[in-house]
Amino acid sequence: MWRPRVLRTANFRLALSYAAAFSLSVFLLGVIVFFGVRSSLEQQLRGQVEAELHQLLVDYRDDGLEELRHDIRERIEANPARRLYYAMQSPDGRVVFDRLLSIPTPDGWHRVRVPSRGEKDADTPALLQSLTLDGGYKLAVAADLGPLHEAERAIFHAFGWAFLFTLMAGALGGLWIGQRFLSQIDAITRVADRIGQGDVKERLPSRGTGDDLDQLAAVINRMLDRIQRLLESVQQVSTSIAHDLRTPLGHLRQTLEAMRKETGSPERMNALHDEALQQLDATLETFTALLRIAEVESGSRKGGFKLLCLSDVLKAVAEAYRPVAEDNGQRLTENITPRIHLQGDRNLLTQLFANLVENALHHSGRGSEIHLRLEEGADGRFTATVSDTGRGIPRAEHANVFKPFYRLDKSRTGAGSGLGMSLVAAIAGLHTLSITLEDNAPGLKVRLQGQFKPSPQPRVG
């Protein structure tokens, strides 16, 4: 069965549900008002009849039956518009005074029909109270229920129209809301189709209203930004891998061809063999570094985090690389605040700072100074820096050095794969450490900041 799309939208159904619930509340309110007003008006009529009957009974007891008839007639003539009816009968059933058709036999309240004023052969409902006087005479007073029924009809019509209006307004509002919702969904669908076809630069539209769809679009757009960066990174990495591996593999092929053609001494063969192994090891190291970065970025190592002393990690790195620095004619110093702890992986943090120190040693040159610093800051944060006095990195290149395979040496003839700083960034991200590069004037300063944990209390005894 065909139905318009707007009738199948969740917004239309939700609006229609709210309209139905509100209409039901209008109906229930109408029922409550109807019976409340009816009961209140009927109580007023009963009170009016009781007051009139009581006054007539007082007149009867004071002045007798004839005065009672005279009093009733005077009341009718003095206020002909008054919607009260009177009746009196003798013990033998003879009508003494009667504007009612009949008086019910038992005393009390009754609902009867009385002749309508000004209309022939018509009667109207009335609420009657009767009682028996001395000597067997019966007296009755009735109030016209016409105003009560008119009020009932007015309430019924008012709430009936309100009920219908609520349903119609809800349905129309649901159609309008559903149509607007569909237009937004269609816009999002068109953009999503283009993204699915490969245009990852497209973004979902935002109307700037801050509603649920705008918030969802903002979240998806941030996700698409991340995906675009990852795709660009994959493309850049793929190109870099092809470029970086082409050279060593080409050299390896040349070496293997030389080995096949070599007919000289065993020493020459061994040298070619060692050269081939070195070229193969360099290629394997590149793939190992890539796998290491992928493992860190996946977050799988985070499950093994433990509370460790970062101060001890930096001291161990400084002690390990101080002899290397001395052999290179460099100087490695440290200023490490003790007992700074954090949750992390000791091996990864050791590799992070080892990579930074190795970069500083490699790029700063002979006679330079490498300095490690760890200090406690405010709000439970710490700052760790690795600085050198070498040639530094141009400020425009600071954001690029963390990209995989990125090297300042555009000719890519020097040693290294350009993955060291990428691994540093991956490990820092795993430990929620912020990492920035600064000019050390001269040289480079790498700053890492993070949240440390309170030092565990030492055991006594």
Protein backbone atom coordinates (compact mmCIF):
# COMPACT_ATOMS: atom_id res chain seq x y z
CA MET A 1 0.00 0.00 0.00
CA TRP A 2 1.47 3.35 -1.07
CA ARG A 3 1.91 6.05 1.53
CA PRO A 4 3.70 9.42 1.21
CA ARG A 5 7.23 9.41 2.65
CA VAL A 6 6.37 12.08 5.17
CA LEU A 7 3.80 9.76 6.78
CA ARG A 8 6.55 7.22 7.43
CA THR A 9 8.93 9.62 9.14
CA ALA A 10 9.62 9.25 12.85
CA ASN A 11 8.99 12.96 13.38
CA PHE A 12 5.49 12.73 11.89
CA ARG A 13 4.63 9.72 14.00
CA LEU A 14 6.02 11.39 17.10
CA ALA A 15 4.05 14.59 16.41
CA LEU A 16 0.92 12.55 15.75
CA SER A 17 1.43 10.63 18.99
CA TYR A 18 1.76 13.89 20.90
CA ALA A 19 -1.37 15.21 19.17
CA ALA A 20 -3.29 12.05 20.09
CA ALA A 21 -2.10 12.28 23.71
CA PHE A 22 -3.01 15.96 23.88
CA SER A 23 -6.40 15.29 22.27
CA LEU A 24 -7.04 12.59 24.83
CA SER A 25 -6.17 15.04 27.59
CA VAL A 26 -8.58 17.57 26.05
CA PHE A 27 -11.29 14.88 25.95
CA LEU A 28 -10.70 13.91 29.59
CA LEU A 29 -10.68 17.57 30.60
CA GLY A 30 -13.97 18.03 28.75
CA VAL A 31 -15.50 15.09 30.60
CA ILE A 32 -14.34 16.47 33.94
CA VAL A 33 -15.61 19.97 33.15
CA PHE A 34 -18.90 18.60 31.81
CA PHE A 35 -19.77 16.60 34.88
CA GLY A 36 -18.33 19.23 37.22
CA VAL A 37 -20.42 22.05 35.73
CA ARG A 38 -23.48 19.82 35.52
CA SER A 39 -23.18 18.82 39.16
CA SER A 40 -22.61 22.42 40.24
CA LEU A 41 -25.62 23.77 38.32
CA GLU A 42 -27.85 20.97 39.55
CA GLN A 43 -26.82 21.68 43.13
CA GLN A 44 -27.72 25.34 42.59
CA LEU A 45 -31.15 24.34 41.26
CA ARG A 46 -31.72 21.99 44.17
CA GLY A 47 -30.78 24.74 46.60
CA GLN A 48 -33.16 27.16 44.87
CA VAL A 49 -36.03 24.67 44.96
CA GLU A 50 -35.38 23.79 48.60
CA ALA A 51 -35.28 27.47 49.60
CA GLU A 52 -38.54 28.18 47.72
CA LEU A 53 -40.29 25.15 49.19
CA HIS A 54 -39.15 26.06 52.70
CA GLN A 55 -40.50 29.61 52.36
CA LEU A 56 -43.87 28.33 51.10
CA LEU A 57 -44.03 25.87 53.99
CA VAL A 58 -43.48 28.69 56.44
CA ASP A 59 -46.29 30.72 54.85
CA TYR A 60 -48.59 27.69 54.97
CA ARG A 61 -47.96 27.08 58.65
CA ASP A 62 -48.49 30.75 59.47
CA ASP A 63 -51.57 31.57 57.34
CA GLY A 64 -53.09 28.31 56.11
CA LEU A 65 -53.90 26.75 52.78
CA GLU A 66 -55.69 29.65 51.09
CA GLU A 67 -52.88 32.03 51.91
CA LEU A 68 -50.42 29.51 50.47
CA ARG A 69 -52.30 29.48 47.15
CA HIS A 70 -52.46 33.26 47.15
CA ASP A 71 -48.73 33.47 47.92
CA ILE A 72 -47.87 31.12 45.05
CA ARG A 73 -49.93 33.13 42.58
CA GLU A 74 -48.30 36.38 43.72
CA ARG A 75 -44.85 34.87 43.18
CA ILE A 76 -45.72 33.83 39.65
CA GLU A 77 -47.27 37.17 38.75
CA ALA A 78 -44.48 39.20 40.34
CA ASN A 79 -41.73 37.31 38.44
CA PRO A 80 -43.20 35.59 35.38
CA ALA A 81 -39.74 34.94 33.95
CA ARG A 82 -38.73 32.91 36.97
CA ARG A 83 -38.19 29.33 35.85
CA LEU A 84 -39.95 27.68 38.78
CA TYR A 85 -43.08 25.58 38.67
CA TYR A 86 -45.62 25.05 41.51
CA ALA A 87 -48.30 22.43 42.21
CA MET A 88 -50.73 21.58 45.05
CA GLN A 89 -53.25 18.74 45.26
CA SER A 90 -55.97 17.78 47.75
CA PRO A 91 -55.94 14.40 49.49
CA ASP A 92 -58.52 13.06 47.02
CA GLY A 93 -56.31 14.03 44.05
CA ARG A 94 -58.17 17.21 43.14
CA VAL A 95 -55.97 19.95 41.73
CA VAL A 96 -55.86 22.91 44.03
CA PHE A 97 -53.10 24.69 42.15
CA ASP A 98 -51.16 23.05 39.38
CA ARG A 99 -48.78 24.22 36.69
CA LEU A 100 -47.29 20.78 36.52
CA LEU A 101 -48.76 17.85 34.72
CA SER A 102 -48.79 15.77 37.87
CA ILE A 103 -47.14 15.36 41.24
CA PRO A 104 -45.33 12.08 41.83
CA THR A 105 -46.77 10.09 44.71
CA PRO A 106 -43.70 9.59 46.94
CA ASP A 107 -42.21 12.66 48.59
CA GLY A 108 -38.70 13.75 47.63
CA TRP A 109 -36.79 14.58 44.46
CA HIS A 110 -38.02 13.61 41.01
CA ARG A 111 -37.24 14.36 37.42
CA VAL A 112 -40.40 15.23 35.51
CA ARG A 113 -41.51 16.97 32.37
CA VAL A 114 -43.57 20.17 32.64
CA PRO A 115 -45.43 22.29 30.03
CA SER A 116 -42.99 24.69 28.34
CA ARG A 117 -43.81 28.38 28.57
CA GLY A 118 -45.05 29.92 25.29
CA GLU A 119 -45.08 26.64 23.37
CA LYS A 120 -48.12 24.49 22.74
CA ASP A 121 -47.94 20.74 23.07
CA ALA A 122 -44.39 21.01 24.34
CA ASP A 123 -42.86 20.21 27.63
CA THR A 124 -39.48 20.62 29.20
CA PRO A 125 -37.52 18.59 31.76
CA ALA A 126 -37.59 19.80 35.35
CA LEU A 127 -36.19 18.88 38.75
CA LEU A 128 -39.04 18.55 41.31
CA GLN A 129 -39.24 18.20 45.06
CA SER A 130 -42.58 17.29 46.70
CA LEU A 131 -43.81 16.92 50.27
CA THR A 132 -47.10 16.17 52.05
CA LEU A 133 -48.77 18.90 54.13
CA ASP A 134 -51.10 18.51 57.07
CA GLY A 135 -54.42 16.99 56.10
CA GLY A 136 -52.95 15.03 53.19
CA TYR A 137 -52.39 17.95 50.84
CA LYS A 138 -49.29 17.69 48.61
CA LEU A 139 -47.06 20.62 47.64
CA ALA A 140 -44.38 20.53 44.92
CA VAL A 141 -41.87 23.00 43.45
CA ALA A 142 -39.91 22.26 40.28
CA ALA A 143 -37.01 24.05 38.54
CA ASP A 144 -36.58 24.13 34.78
CA LEU A 145 -33.59 22.04 33.66
CA GLY A 146 -33.40 23.87 30.34
CA PRO A 147 -30.45 26.12 31.36
CA LEU A 148 -28.61 23.09 32.66
CA HIS A 149 -29.07 21.26 29.38
CA GLU A 150 -28.03 24.36 27.42
CA ALA A 151 -24.83 24.57 29.47
CA GLU A 152 -24.22 20.88 28.82
CA ARG A 153 -24.64 21.36 25.08
CA ALA A 154 -22.34 24.41 25.11
CA ILE A 155 -19.62 22.50 26.95
CA PHE A 156 -20.01 19.50 24.66
CA HIS A 157 -19.75 21.62 21.52
CA ALA A 158 -16.80 23.66 22.85
CA PHE A 159 -14.72 20.64 23.82
CA GLY A 160 -15.82 18.72 20.74
CA TRP A 161 -14.46 21.47 18.49
CA ALA A 162 -11.34 21.73 20.66
CA PHE A 163 -10.79 17.97 20.31
CA LEU A 164 -11.16 18.09 16.51
CA PHE A 165 -8.96 21.19 16.26
CA THR A 166 -6.25 19.51 18.33
CA LEU A 167 -6.28 16.43 16.11
CA MET A 168 -6.18 18.49 12.92
CA ALA A 169 -3.48 20.82 14.25
CA GLY A 170 -1.43 17.83 15.38
CA ALA A 171 -1.76 16.13 12.00
CA LEU A 172 -0.88 19.29 10.07
CA GLY A 173 1.97 20.05 12.46
CA GLY A 174 3.23 16.50 12.05
CA LEU A 175 3.13 16.85 8.26
CA TRP A 176 5.02 20.15 8.43
CA ILE A 177 7.63 18.84 10.86
CA GLY A 178 7.98 15.61 8.89
CA GLN A 179 8.46 17.53 5.65
CA ARG A 180 11.17 19.71 7.20
CA PHE A 181 12.81 16.61 8.64
CA LEU A 182 12.72 14.93 5.23
CA SER A 183 14.32 17.94 3.55
CA GLN A 184 17.20 17.83 6.05
CA ILE A 185 17.56 14.07 5.70
CA ASP A 186 17.56 14.36 1.90
CA ALA A 187 20.33 16.97 2.07
CA ILE A 188 22.37 14.73 4.37
CA THR A 189 21.69 11.71 2.13
CA ARG A 190 22.91 13.53 -0.99
CA VAL A 191 26.14 14.53 0.72
CA ALA A 192 26.58 11.03 2.17
CA ASP A 193 26.17 9.54 -1.31
CA ARG A 194 28.91 11.80 -2.68
CA ILE A 195 31.15 10.87 0.26
CA GLY A 196 30.42 7.18 -0.38
CA GLN A 197 31.49 7.65 -4.00
CA GLY A 198 34.91 8.83 -2.81
CA ASP A 199 34.60 12.58 -2.37
CA VAL A 200 35.80 12.67 1.25
CA LYS A 201 36.15 16.45 1.17
CA GLU A 202 32.36 16.83 1.26
CA ARG A 203 30.78 17.73 4.62
CA LEU A 204 27.26 17.40 5.95
CA PRO A 205 25.30 20.67 5.88
CA SER A 206 24.53 22.55 9.09
CA ARG A 207 21.74 25.08 9.47
CA GLY A 208 23.27 26.69 12.56
CA THR A 209 20.24 25.99 14.76
CA GLY A 210 22.09 23.75 17.20
CA ASP A 211 19.36 21.09 17.08
CA ASP A 212 19.89 17.33 17.16
CA LEU A 213 20.57 17.07 13.42
CA ASP A 214 23.11 19.90 13.58
CA GLN A 215 24.89 18.20 16.48
CA LEU A 216 24.88 14.89 14.61
CA ALA A 217 26.21 16.60 11.48
CA ALA A 218 28.99 18.23 13.53
CA VAL A 219 30.02 14.86 15.01
CA ILE A 220 29.99 13.17 11.59
CA ASN A 221 31.95 16.06 10.04
CA ARG A 222 34.62 15.72 12.72
CA MET A 223 34.74 12.00 11.96
CA LEU A 224 35.08 12.77 8.25
CA ASP A 225 37.90 15.23 9.00
CA ARG A 226 39.68 12.47 10.87
CA ILE A 227 39.06 9.99 8.04
CA GLN A 228 40.34 12.47 5.47
CA ARG A 229 43.51 13.04 7.48
CA LEU A 230 43.98 9.29 7.82
CA LEU A 231 43.47 8.75 4.09
CA GLU A 232 45.92 11.51 3.28
CA SER A 233 48.35 9.98 5.77
CA VAL A 234 47.91 6.55 4.17
CA GLN A 235 48.54 8.01 0.72
CA GLN A 236 51.59 9.88 1.98
CA VAL A 237 52.87 6.79 3.80
CA SER A 238 52.29 4.60 0.76
CA THR A 239 54.22 7.02 -1.44
CA SER A 240 57.00 7.30 1.13
CA ILE A 241 57.25 3.53 1.55
CA ALA A 242 57.51 3.07 -2.20
CA HIS A 243 60.15 5.81 -2.43
CA ASP A 244 62.18 4.77 0.62
CA LEU A 245 62.18 1.05 -0.11
CA ARG A 246 62.91 1.44 -3.78
CA THR A 247 66.43 2.67 -3.12
CA PRO A 248 67.58 -0.06 -0.64
CA LEU A 249 65.87 -2.78 -2.65
CA GLY A 250 67.54 -1.48 -5.78
CA HIS A 251 70.89 -1.54 -3.99
CA LEU A 252 70.12 -5.03 -2.74
CA ARG A 253 69.43 -6.20 -6.28
CA GLN A 254 72.67 -4.67 -7.50
CA THR A 255 74.54 -6.37 -4.67
CA LEU A 256 72.98 -9.74 -5.44
CA GLU A 257 73.82 -9.36 -9.13
CA ALA A 258 77.40 -8.47 -8.16
CA MET A 259 77.56 -11.58 -5.97
CA ARG A 260 76.39 -13.73 -8.87
CA LYS A 261 79.01 -12.28 -11.20
CA GLU A 262 81.78 -12.27 -8.59
CA THR A 263 84.45 -14.86 -9.30
CA GLY A 264 87.16 -13.38 -7.14
CA SER A 265 88.31 -13.96 -3.60
CA PRO A 266 86.08 -15.22 -0.76
CA GLU A 267 86.76 -11.93 1.08
CA ARG A 268 85.01 -10.01 -1.70
CA MET A 269 82.09 -12.43 -1.60
CA ASN A 270 81.78 -12.05 2.17
CA ALA A 271 81.82 -8.25 1.86
CA LEU A 272 79.03 -8.33 -0.73
CA HIS A 273 77.12 -10.77 1.46
CA ASP A 274 77.42 -8.48 4.50
CA GLU A 275 76.36 -5.48 2.43
CA ALA A 276 73.26 -7.33 1.24
CA LEU A 277 72.37 -8.28 4.78
CA GLN A 278 72.75 -4.65 5.92
CA GLN A 279 70.45 -3.46 3.17
CA LEU A 280 67.91 -6.17 4.02
CA ASP A 281 68.12 -5.32 7.74
CA ALA A 282 67.46 -1.65 6.97
CA THR A 283 64.35 -2.66 5.03
CA LEU A 284 63.16 -4.92 7.85
CA GLU A 285 63.76 -2.16 10.38
CA THR A 286 61.42 0.09 8.40
CA PHE A 287 58.66 -2.49 8.46
CA THR A 288 59.27 -3.18 12.15
CA ALA A 289 58.92 0.52 12.93
CA LEU A 290 55.68 0.67 10.95
CA LEU A 291 54.26 -2.31 12.83
CA ARG A 292 55.36 -0.74 16.11
CA ILE A 293 53.56 2.50 15.29
CA ALA A 294 50.41 0.59 14.26
CA GLU A 295 50.50 -1.39 17.51
CA VAL A 296 50.83 1.77 19.62
CA GLU A 297 48.12 3.67 17.75
CA SER A 298 45.70 0.74 18.11
CA GLY A 299 45.78 1.22 21.90
CA SER A 300 46.30 -2.50 22.59
CA ARG A 301 49.22 -1.74 24.91
CA LYS A 302 47.06 0.47 27.12
CA GLY A 303 45.58 -2.56 28.86
CA GLY A 304 48.96 -3.26 30.46
CA PHE A 305 49.50 0.21 31.91
CA LYS A 306 50.89 0.30 35.44
CA LEU A 307 51.89 3.00 37.89
CA LEU A 308 55.57 3.75 37.20
CA CYS A 309 58.13 6.37 38.11
CA LEU A 310 58.84 8.59 35.11
CA SER A 311 61.80 10.09 36.94
CA ASP A 312 63.50 6.69 36.99
CA VAL A 313 62.80 6.21 33.27
CA LEU A 314 64.52 9.50 32.36
CA LYS A 315 67.45 8.79 34.66
CA ALA A 316 67.93 5.38 33.02
CA VAL A 317 67.85 6.94 29.54
CA ALA A 318 70.35 9.61 30.59
CA GLU A 319 72.73 7.03 32.09
CA ALA A 320 72.49 4.83 28.99
CA TYR A 321 73.25 7.61 26.48
CA ARG A 322 75.81 9.63 28.45
CA PRO A 323 78.74 7.42 27.28
CA VAL A 324 77.47 7.68 23.68
CA ALA A 325 77.42 11.46 23.93
CA GLU A 326 80.96 11.53 25.35
CA ASP A 327 82.21 9.33 22.52
CA ASN A 328 80.65 11.80 20.03
CA GLY A 329 82.29 14.77 21.71
CA GLN A 330 78.95 15.91 23.11
CA ARG A 331 77.68 16.52 26.62
CA LEU A 332 74.47 15.08 28.10
CA THR A 333 73.11 16.66 31.29
CA GLU A 334 69.90 16.23 33.28
CA ASN A 335 67.74 17.98 35.84
CA ILE A 336 65.11 15.47 36.92
CA THR A 337 62.64 16.00 39.75
CA PRO A 338 62.34 12.70 41.66
CA ARG A 339 59.20 10.66 42.40
CA ILE A 340 56.99 11.79 39.53
CA HIS A 341 54.64 8.90 38.71
CA LEU A 342 52.10 8.19 35.99
CA GLN A 343 50.13 5.31 34.53
CA GLY A 344 51.92 3.94 31.50
CA ASP A 345 54.11 1.38 29.76
CA ARG A 346 57.75 1.56 30.87
CA ASN A 347 59.19 0.10 27.67
CA LEU A 348 57.24 2.50 25.44
CA LEU A 349 58.18 5.56 27.51
CA THR A 350 61.79 4.46 27.51
CA GLN A 351 61.68 4.17 23.71
CA LEU A 352 60.01 7.60 23.44
CA PHE A 353 62.78 9.42 25.32
CA ALA A 354 65.48 7.24 23.76
CA ASN A 355 64.28 8.30 20.29
CA LEU A 356 64.34 11.96 21.31
CA VAL A 357 67.85 11.67 22.75
CA GLU A 358 69.10 9.78 19.69
CA ASN A 359 67.69 12.46 17.40
CA ALA A 360 69.37 15.15 19.48
CA LEU A 361 72.69 13.30 19.41
CA HIS A 362 72.45 12.68 15.68
CA HIS A 363 71.44 16.18 14.58
CA SER A 364 73.20 18.47 17.07
CA GLY A 365 76.81 17.77 16.04
CA ARG A 366 80.10 17.65 17.90
CA GLY A 367 80.54 19.96 20.88
CA SER A 368 76.80 20.38 21.47
CA GLU A 369 74.92 19.83 24.71
CA ILE A 370 71.82 17.67 25.20
CA HIS A 371 69.75 18.35 28.31
CA LEU A 372 66.93 16.29 29.89
CA ARG A 373 64.58 18.05 32.29
CA LEU A 374 61.59 16.79 34.29
CA GLU A 375 59.74 19.15 36.60
CA GLU A 376 56.47 19.26 38.48
CA GLY A 377 53.99 21.96 37.52
CA ALA A 378 50.69 23.28 38.84
CA ASP A 379 47.38 21.40 38.90
CA GLY A 380 49.03 17.99 39.10
CA ARG A 381 50.86 18.30 35.77
CA PHE A 382 54.45 17.66 34.83
CA THR A 383 56.69 18.87 32.02
CA ALA A 384 59.48 16.84 30.43
CA THR A 385 61.86 18.39 27.89
CA VAL A 386 64.68 17.13 25.70
CA SER A 387 66.72 20.02 24.30
CA ASP A 388 69.91 20.39 22.31
CA THR A 389 72.13 23.16 20.98
CA GLY A 390 72.34 21.90 17.41
CA ARG A 391 71.05 23.40 14.19
CA GLY A 392 67.38 22.96 15.16
CA ILE A 393 64.34 22.64 12.90
CA PRO A 394 62.69 25.52 11.01
CA ARG A 395 59.44 26.59 12.68
CA ALA A 396 57.47 25.90 9.48
CA GLU A 397 58.54 22.24 9.68
CA HIS A 398 57.53 21.65 13.31
CA ALA A 399 54.13 20.14 12.47
CA ASN A 400 55.54 17.97 9.67
CA VAL A 401 58.23 16.08 11.55
CA PHE A 402 55.63 13.87 13.25
CA LYS A 403 54.34 12.58 9.90
CA PRO A 404 55.52 9.07 8.94
CA PHE A 405 58.56 9.04 6.62
CA TYR A 406 58.87 12.82 6.74
CA ARG A 407 62.52 13.92 6.57
CA LEU A 408 64.09 17.34 6.42
CA ASP A 409 66.55 15.87 3.93
CA LYS A 410 64.44 16.17 0.79
CA SER A 411 66.93 14.15 -1.19
CA ARG A 412 66.43 11.30 1.34
CA THR A 413 70.03 10.24 0.92
CA GLY A 414 70.87 10.24 4.62
CA ALA A 415 70.42 7.40 7.07
CA GLY A 416 67.09 6.85 8.77
CA SER A 417 63.52 6.13 7.74
CA GLY A 418 61.72 9.19 9.10
CA LEU A 419 59.63 7.07 11.50
CA GLY A 420 61.31 7.96 14.80
CA MET A 421 59.27 11.08 15.56
CA SER A 422 56.09 9.37 14.32
CA LEU A 423 56.65 6.67 16.93
CA VAL A 424 57.30 9.36 19.55
CA ALA A 425 53.97 11.04 18.69
CA ALA A 426 52.11 7.71 18.79
CA ILE A 427 53.50 6.81 22.22
CA ALA A 428 52.77 10.30 23.56
CA GLY A 429 49.18 10.07 22.28
CA LEU A 430 48.74 6.67 23.91
CA HIS A 431 49.78 8.18 27.26
CA THR A 432 47.67 11.35 26.68
CA LEU A 433 50.80 13.50 26.66
CA SER A 434 50.85 16.72 24.69
CA ILE A 435 53.98 17.18 22.60
CA THR A 436 55.28 20.43 21.09
CA LEU A 437 58.48 21.59 19.41
CA GLU A 438 60.15 24.87 20.37
CA ASP A 439 63.15 26.86 19.28
CA ASN A 440 65.95 26.47 21.85
CA ALA A 441 67.99 29.34 20.33
CA PRO A 442 70.13 27.61 19.23
CA GLY A 443 68.84 24.11 18.77
CA LEU A 444 65.54 22.36 19.35
CA LYS A 445 63.49 21.72 22.47
CA VAL A 446 60.87 18.96 22.58
CA ARG A 447 58.32 19.53 25.36
CA LEU A 448 55.95 16.89 26.71
CA GLN A 449 53.27 17.62 29.29
CA GLY A 450 50.86 15.33 31.11
CA GLN A 451 49.07 14.49 34.36
CA PHE A 452 51.03 12.70 37.03
CA LYS A 453 49.76 10.45 39.79
CA PRO A 454 50.46 10.90 43.53
CA SER A 455 53.61 9.14 44.65
CA PRO A 456 52.90 5.85 46.46
CA GLN A 457 53.69 5.95 50.19
CA PRO A 458 56.85 4.00 51.07
CA ARG A 459 56.44 1.01 53.35
CA VAL A 460 57.66 1.38 56.92
CA GLY A 461 59.43 -1.50 58.68
